[in-house]
């Protein structure tokens, strides 16, 4: 019976060791899987941060471009306004020159009339 007990104990010990080895192996596999997942999470996190920075940079670029467009529109409006003012001023100068020319024509005709009267 002692031998049977010993055999049974040996068998139990062997099964216990087998279970322990299986358990240890499973833990190592799980640890390895967790480690791989953590690396993947880290990689994804880094990629996300890079994408977020790129998105932020693009947002800033869009803001800059929108501001540049607004500035250009304002410049164009200012130049159009200045152009209109210049046109009005040129028209006024033209009108003055036209009047002066007509006055000179009238004077010239009067002088020609006076010269003809004096000649007669």
Protein backbone atom coordinates (compact mmCIF):
# COMPACT_ATOMS: atom_id res chain seq x y z
CA UNK A 1 0.00 0.00 0.00
CA UNK A 2 2.88 2.26 0.68
CA UNK A 3 4.02 1.74 -2.84
CA UNK A 4 0.56 2.47 -4.12
CA UNK A 5 0.50 5.63 -2.01
CA UNK A 6 3.89 6.58 -3.29
CA UNK A 7 2.77 5.97 -6.84
CA UNK A 8 -0.35 8.00 -6.30
CA UNK A 9 1.65 10.82 -4.75
CA UNK A 10 4.09 10.67 -7.64
CA UNK A 11 1.22 10.84 -10.07
CA UNK A 12 -0.32 13.78 -8.23
CA UNK A 13 3.02 15.51 -8.06
CA UNK A 14 3.56 14.94 -11.75
CA UNK A 15 0.08 16.31 -12.58
CA UNK A 16 0.72 19.26 -10.29
CA UNK A 17 4.01 20.00 -12.07
CA UNK A 18 2.30 19.62 -15.44
CA UNK A 19 -0.46 22.01 -14.39
CA UNK A 20 2.16 24.43 -13.05
CA UNK A 21 4.12 24.26 -16.33
CA UNK A 22 0.95 24.77 -18.33
CA UNK A 23 -0.05 27.68 -16.10
CA UNK A 24 3.44 29.22 -16.35
CA UNK A 25 3.45 28.80 -20.12
CA UNK A 26 -0.01 30.36 -20.41
CA UNK A 27 1.07 33.31 -18.27
CA UNK A 28 4.15 33.81 -20.47
CA UNK A 29 1.98 33.73 -23.60
CA UNK A 30 -0.47 36.21 -22.06
CA UNK A 31 2.42 38.45 -20.95
CA UNK A 32 3.83 38.31 -24.46
CA UNK A 33 0.43 39.14 -25.96
CA UNK A 34 -0.03 42.00 -23.48
CA UNK A 35 3.43 43.29 -24.33
CA UNK A 36 2.66 43.17 -28.08
CA UNK A 37 -0.66 44.93 -27.49
CA UNK A 38 1.06 47.59 -25.39
CA UNK A 39 3.59 48.16 -28.17
CA UNK A 40 0.75 48.40 -30.68
CA UNK A 41 -1.11 50.85 -28.42
CA UNK A 42 2.06 52.89 -28.05
CA UNK A 43 2.55 52.94 -31.82
CA UNK A 44 -1.08 53.94 -32.39
CA UNK A 45 -0.83 56.63 -29.72
CA UNK A 46 2.29 58.04 -31.34
CA UNK A 47 0.61 57.95 -34.75
CA UNK A 48 -2.46 59.67 -33.31
CA UNK A 49 -0.31 62.41 -31.75
CA UNK A 50 1.49 62.90 -35.07
CA UNK A 51 -1.83 63.08 -36.92
CA UNK A 52 -3.23 65.52 -34.36
CA UNK A 53 -0.14 67.74 -34.76
CA UNK A 54 -0.46 67.60 -38.54
CA UNK A 55 -4.15 68.46 -38.27
CA UNK A 56 -3.34 71.36 -35.97
CA UNK A 57 -0.67 72.56 -38.43
CA UNK A 58 -3.18 72.30 -41.29
CA UNK A 59 -5.77 74.21 -39.26
CA UNK A 60 -3.21 76.94 -38.66
CA UNK A 61 -2.34 76.98 -42.37
CA UNK A 62 -6.04 77.28 -43.26
CA UNK A 63 -6.41 80.12 -40.74
CA UNK A 64 -3.37 81.87 -42.23
CA UNK A 65 -4.70 81.42 -45.77
CA UNK A 66 -8.15 82.70 -44.78
CA UNK A 67 -6.52 85.75 -43.16
CA UNK A 68 -4.38 86.32 -46.28
CA UNK A 69 -7.50 86.10 -48.48
CA UNK A 70 -9.30 88.57 -46.23
CA UNK A 71 -6.30 90.92 -46.37
CA UNK A 72 -6.15 90.62 -50.17
CA UNK A 73 -9.89 91.35 -50.46
CA UNK A 74 -9.47 94.40 -48.24
CA UNK A 75 -6.49 95.55 -50.32
CA UNK A 76 -8.52 95.13 -53.51
CA UNK A 77 -11.45 97.07 -52.03
CA UNK A 78 -9.09 99.83 -50.89
CA UNK A 79 -7.47 100.00 -54.33
CA UNK A 80 -10.88 100.06 -56.04
CA UNK A 81 -11.94 102.91 -53.73
CA UNK A 82 -8.71 104.80 -54.49
CA UNK A 83 -9.21 104.13 -58.19
CA UNK A 84 -12.74 105.57 -58.03
CA UNK A 85 -11.46 108.65 -56.18
CA UNK A 86 -8.69 109.08 -58.77
CA UNK A 87 -11.24 108.78 -61.59
CA UNK A 88 -13.47 111.41 -59.95
CA UNK A 89 -10.48 113.73 -59.51
CA UNK A 90 -9.38 113.20 -63.11
CA UNK A 91 -12.90 113.93 -64.33
CA UNK A 92 -12.98 117.11 -62.26
CA UNK A 93 -9.59 118.19 -63.64
CA UNK A 94 -10.79 117.40 -67.16
CA UNK A 95 -13.92 119.48 -66.60
CA UNK A 96 -11.80 122.43 -65.37
CA UNK A 97 -9.46 122.15 -68.35
CA UNK A 98 -12.49 121.94 -70.66
CA UNK A 99 -13.90 125.14 -69.12
CA UNK A 100 -10.55 126.89 -69.41
CA UNK A 101 -10.29 125.85 -73.05
CA UNK A 102 -13.80 127.15 -73.76
CA UNK A 103 -12.95 130.44 -71.99
CA UNK A 104 -9.80 130.73 -74.09
CA UNK A 105 -11.79 130.04 -77.27
CA UNK A 106 -14.29 132.77 -76.34
CA UNK A 107 -11.44 135.20 -75.57
CA UNK A 108 -9.73 134.31 -78.81
CA UNK A 109 -12.92 134.94 -80.82
CA UNK A 110 -13.45 138.27 -79.02
CA UNK A 111 -9.88 139.30 -79.77
CA UNK A 112 -10.27 138.29 -83.42
CA UNK A 113 -13.51 140.31 -83.58
CA UNK A 114 -11.76 143.30 -81.99
CA UNK A 115 -8.84 143.00 -84.41
CA UNK A 116 -11.27 142.93 -87.36
CA UNK A 117 -13.12 145.98 -85.97
CA UNK A 118 -9.85 147.85 -85.56
CA UNK A 119 -8.80 146.89 -89.05
CA UNK A 120 -12.01 148.34 -90.46
